[in-house]
C-alpha atoms as a PDB file:
ATOM      1  CA  MET A   1      39.776 -48.656  47.127  1.00  0.00           C
ATOM      2  CA  THR A   2      37.023 -46.693  48.719  1.00  0.00           C
ATOM      3  CA  ILE A   3      37.282 -43.260  50.039  1.00  0.00           C
ATOM      4  CA  THR A   4      35.211 -42.577  53.010  1.00  0.00           C
ATOM      5  CA  MET A   5      35.067 -39.489  54.980  1.00  0.00           C
ATOM      6  CA  ALA A   6      35.400 -39.993  58.529  1.00  0.00           C
ATOM      7  CA  ILE A   7      33.247 -37.688  60.500  1.00  0.00           C
ATOM      8  CA  ALA A   8      33.804 -37.530  64.127  1.00  0.00           C
ATOM      9  CA  PRO A   9      30.727 -38.437  66.145  1.00  0.00           C
ATOM     10  CA  GLU A  10      30.841 -35.160  68.005  1.00  0.00           C
ATOM     11  CA  ASN A  11      30.448 -33.263  64.662  1.00  0.00           C
ATOM     12  CA  PHE A  12      27.342 -35.179  63.529  1.00  0.00           C
ATOM     13  CA  GLY A  13      25.029 -32.582  65.017  1.00  0.00           C
ATOM     14  CA  GLU A  14      26.734 -29.711  63.204  1.00  0.00           C
ATOM     15  CA  HIS A  15      26.733 -31.553  59.875  1.00  0.00           C
ATOM     16  CA  LEU A  16      23.110 -32.588  60.271  1.00  0.00           C
ATOM     17  CA  ALA A  17      22.116 -28.995  61.091  1.00  0.00           C
ATOM     18  CA  ARG A  18      24.051 -27.676  58.054  1.00  0.00           C
ATOM     19  CA  LEU A  19      22.528 -30.323  55.752  1.00  0.00           C
ATOM     20  CA  ASN A  20      19.065 -29.587  57.154  1.00  0.00           C
ATOM     21  CA  MET A  21      19.540 -25.839  56.562  1.00  0.00           C
ATOM     22  CA  GLU A  22      20.797 -26.457  52.992  1.00  0.00           C
ATOM     23  CA  SER A  23      17.841 -28.767  52.353  1.00  0.00           C
ATOM     24  CA  ARG A  24      15.403 -26.067  53.510  1.00  0.00           C
ATOM     25  CA  GLN A  25      17.162 -23.480  51.351  1.00  0.00           C
ATOM     26  CA  PHE A  26      17.005 -25.791  48.310  1.00  0.00           C
ATOM     27  CA  ARG A  27      13.306 -26.453  48.938  1.00  0.00           C
ATOM     28  CA  ALA A  28      12.643 -22.709  49.218  1.00  0.00           C
ATOM     29  CA  ASP A  29      14.585 -22.122  45.988  1.00  0.00           C
ATOM     30  CA  ILE A  30      12.616 -24.882  44.241  1.00  0.00           C
ATOM     31  CA  GLU A  31       9.319 -23.403  45.450  1.00  0.00           C
ATOM     32  CA  GLU A  32      10.411 -19.945  44.236  1.00  0.00           C
ATOM     33  CA  LEU A  33      11.331 -21.413  40.848  1.00  0.00           C
ATOM     34  CA  LYS A  34       7.915 -23.113  40.635  1.00  0.00           C
ATOM     35  CA  ARG A  35       6.166 -19.811  41.428  1.00  0.00           C
ATOM     36  CA  CYS A  36       8.263 -18.011  38.807  1.00  0.00           C
ATOM     37  CA  GLU A  37       7.505 -20.731  36.267  1.00  0.00           C
ATOM     38  CA  GLN A  38       3.765 -20.450  36.921  1.00  0.00           C
ATOM     39  CA  LYS A  39       3.939 -16.670  36.661  1.00  0.00           C
ATOM     40  CA  ASN A  40       5.907 -16.913  33.413  1.00  0.00           C
ATOM     41  CA  GLU A  41       3.425 -19.389  31.975  1.00  0.00           C
ATOM     42  CA  ALA A  42       0.544 -17.065  32.894  1.00  0.00           C
ATOM     43  CA  ASP A  43       2.369 -14.134  31.269  1.00  0.00           C
ATOM     44  CA  ILE A  44       2.980 -16.196  28.123  1.00  0.00           C
ATOM     45  CA  ARG A  45      -0.712 -17.108  27.966  1.00  0.00           C
ATOM     46  CA  GLN A  46      -1.601 -13.413  28.284  1.00  0.00           C
ATOM     47  CA  LEU A  47       0.859 -12.548  25.516  1.00  0.00           C
ATOM     48  CA  TYR A  48      -0.688 -15.168  23.239  1.00  0.00           C
ATOM     49  CA  ALA A  49      -4.167 -13.802  23.991  1.00  0.00           C
ATOM     50  CA  GLY A  50      -2.982 -10.250  23.350  1.00  0.00           C
ATOM     51  CA  GLN A  51      -1.337 -11.309  20.112  1.00  0.00           C
ATOM     52  CA  ALA A  52      -4.552 -12.965  18.970  1.00  0.00           C
ATOM     53  CA  ARG A  53      -6.520  -9.787  19.772  1.00  0.00           C
ATOM     54  CA  THR A  54      -3.954  -7.687  17.948  1.00  0.00           C
ATOM     55  CA  GLU A  55      -4.148  -9.915  14.877  1.00  0.00           C
ATOM     56  CA  THR A  56      -7.930  -9.598  14.936  1.00  0.00           C
ATOM     57  CA  LEU A  57      -7.765  -5.801  15.197  1.00  0.00           C
ATOM     58  CA  VAL A  58      -5.180  -5.564  12.414  1.00  0.00           C
ATOM     59  CA  GLY A  59      -7.423  -7.717  10.232  1.00  0.00           C
ATOM     60  CA  GLN A  60     -10.371  -5.412  10.928  1.00  0.00           C
ATOM     61  CA  VAL A  61      -8.310  -2.308  10.166  1.00  0.00           C
ATOM     62  CA  LEU A  62      -7.074  -3.772   6.895  1.00  0.00           C
ATOM     63  CA  THR A  63     -10.615  -4.758   5.921  1.00  0.00           C
ATOM     64  CA  ARG A  64     -11.885  -1.255   6.670  1.00  0.00           C
ATOM     65  CA  PHE A  65      -8.986   0.288   4.772  1.00  0.00           C
ATOM     66  CA  ASP A  66      -9.762  -1.849   1.739  1.00  0.00           C
ATOM     67  CA  GLY A  67     -13.382  -0.709   1.909  1.00  0.00           C
ATOM     68  CA  PHE A  68     -12.279   2.902   2.280  1.00  0.00           C
ATOM     69  CA  GLU A  69      -9.936   2.555  -0.679  1.00  0.00           C
ATOM     70  CA  THR A  70     -12.753   1.163  -2.822  1.00  0.00           C
ATOM     71  CA  ARG A  71     -15.117   3.959  -1.805  1.00  0.00           C
ATOM     72  CA  MET A  72     -12.502   6.638  -2.516  1.00  0.00           C
ATOM     73  CA  PHE A  73     -11.829   5.138  -5.934  1.00  0.00           C
ATOM     74  CA  ASN A  74     -15.562   5.173  -6.700  1.00  0.00           C
ATOM     75  CA  VAL A  75     -15.879   8.792  -5.515  1.00  0.00           C
ATOM     76  CA  PHE A  76     -12.935   9.929  -7.655  1.00  0.00           C
ATOM     77  CA  GLN A  77     -14.302   8.022 -10.628  1.00  0.00           C
ATOM     78  CA  GLN A  78     -17.694   9.714 -10.201  1.00  0.00           C
ATOM     79  CA  MET A  79     -16.031  13.127  -9.801  1.00  0.00           C
ATOM     80  CA  THR A  80     -14.125  12.573 -13.032  1.00  0.00           C
ATOM     81  CA  ARG A  81     -17.326  11.674 -14.857  1.00  0.00           C
ATOM     82  CA  ASP A  82     -19.119  14.708 -13.411  1.00  0.00           C
ATOM     83  CA  ASN A  83     -16.272  17.016 -14.390  1.00  0.00           C
ATOM     84  CA  ALA A  84     -16.221  15.610 -17.918  1.00  0.00           C
ATOM     85  CA  GLU A  85     -19.980  16.134 -18.251  1.00  0.00           C
ATOM     86  CA  LEU A  86     -19.719  19.652 -16.859  1.00  0.00           C
ATOM     87  CA  LEU A  87     -16.891  20.481 -19.249  1.00  0.00           C
ATOM     88  CA  GLN A  88     -18.960  19.224 -22.172  1.00  0.00           C
ATOM     89  CA  GLN A  89     -21.937  21.328 -21.078  1.00  0.00           C
ATOM     90  CA  VAL A  90     -19.818  24.436 -20.679  1.00  0.00           C
ATOM     91  CA  THR A  91     -18.163  24.034 -24.048  1.00  0.00           C
ATOM     92  CA  ARG A  92     -21.504  23.410 -25.785  1.00  0.00           C
ATOM     93  CA  ASP A  93     -23.759  25.868 -23.997  1.00  0.00           C
ATOM     94  CA  GLY A  94     -21.674  28.770 -22.774  1.00  0.00           C
ATOM     95  CA  SER A  95     -19.775  30.124 -25.765  1.00  0.00           C
ATOM     96  CA  SER A  96     -21.436  33.591 -25.597  1.00  0.00           C
ATOM     97  CA  GLU A  97     -21.103  33.655 -21.805  1.00  0.00           C
ATOM     98  CA  ARG A  98     -17.411  32.814 -22.098  1.00  0.00           C
ATOM     99  CA  LEU A  99     -16.822  35.736 -24.445  1.00  0.00           C
ATOM    100  CA  GLU A 100     -18.488  38.127 -21.991  1.00  0.00           C
ATOM    101  CA  GLY A 101     -16.404  36.679 -19.150  1.00  0.00           C
ATOM    102  CA  GLN A 102     -13.233  37.144 -21.171  1.00  0.00           C
ATOM    103  CA  LYS A 103     -14.157  40.767 -21.893  1.00  0.00           C
ATOM    104  CA  GLU A 104     -14.759  41.398 -18.210  1.00  0.00           C
ATOM    105  CA  ARG A 105     -11.459  39.759 -17.349  1.00  0.00           C
ATOM    106  CA  THR A 106      -9.487  41.727 -19.894  1.00  0.00           C
ATOM    107  CA  SER A 107     -10.999  45.052 -18.765  1.00  0.00           C
ATOM    108  CA  ALA A 108     -10.288  44.190 -15.135  1.00  0.00           C
ATOM    109  CA  GLN A 109      -6.742  43.181 -16.043  1.00  0.00           C
ATOM    110  CA  GLN A 110      -6.237  46.428 -17.947  1.00  0.00           C
ATOM    111  CA  ALA A 111      -7.423  48.434 -14.948  1.00  0.00           C
ATOM    112  CA  TRP A 112      -4.992  46.621 -12.657  1.00  0.00           C
ATOM    113  CA  MET A 113      -2.155  47.056 -15.136  1.00  0.00           C
ATOM    114  CA  SER A 114      -2.704  50.818 -15.350  1.00  0.00           C
ATOM    115  CA  PHE A 115      -2.916  51.046 -11.563  1.00  0.00           C
ATOM    116  CA  SER A 116       0.343  49.072 -11.267  1.00  0.00           C
ATOM    117  CA  LYS A 117       2.029  51.449 -13.733  1.00  0.00           C
ATOM    118  CA  TYR A 118       1.042  54.469 -11.639  1.00  0.00           C
ATOM    119  CA  VAL A 119       2.221  52.825  -8.400  1.00  0.00           C
ATOM    120  CA  ILE A 120       5.592  51.916  -9.943  1.00  0.00           C
ATOM    121  CA  ALA A 121       6.025  55.407 -11.415  1.00  0.00           C
ATOM    122  CA  VAL A 122       5.228  57.097  -8.104  1.00  0.00           C
ATOM    123  CA  THR A 123       7.623  54.759  -6.262  1.00  0.00           C
ATOM    124  CA  ILE A 124      10.471  55.505  -8.679  1.00  0.00           C
ATOM    125  CA  ALA A 125       9.796  59.245  -8.407  1.00  0.00           C
ATOM    126  CA  ALA A 126       9.849  59.019  -4.596  1.00  0.00           C
ATOM    127  CA  VAL A 127      13.156  57.140  -4.626  1.00  0.00           C
ATOM    128  CA  ILE A 128      14.748  59.681  -6.997  1.00  0.00           C
ATOM    129  CA  ALA A 129      13.453  62.590  -4.913  1.00  0.00           C
ATOM    130  CA  TYR A 130      14.833  61.000  -1.765  1.00  0.00           C
ATOM    131  CA  MET A 131      18.225  60.444  -3.374  1.00  0.00           C
ATOM    132  CA  PHE A 132      18.462  64.060  -4.548  1.00  0.00           C
ATOM    133  CA  SER A 133      17.388  65.390  -1.168  1.00  0.00           C
ATOM    134  CA  PHE A 134      19.948  63.189   0.622  1.00  0.00           C
ATOM    135  CA  PHE A 135      22.864  63.903  -1.738  1.00  0.00           C
ATOM    136  CA  PRO A 136      22.702  67.606  -2.718  1.00  0.00           C
ATOM    137  CA  PHE A 137      24.841  68.595  -5.733  1.00  0.00           C
END
């Protein structure tokens, strides 16, 4: 059993025009899809190129950071050695100078302590005087 559509001969022109229009639309859609595919492929190629450049730059940054880390370690190591040598020199050579420095420090500290005592005493006296002037008995 076959099913056939019977199209009236007077409608052939309409059907042919509709099929022709659909065919043109499908061709236009296919062409648009091809253009989009080419554009997407070009974008993907650019992304791959950008990713390769990024990987290269990250590699360079990491290499420079490793070099920087090594240099900083060497600088800190040298500073530690220098400080140890300086400490040894000071402890060996400057015992009399240290005593003089301590005497100067203690006299300066004593002067500041006495000044602080006077400032505190004057402040307390001012507060008491203010309280008595504000609250007369």
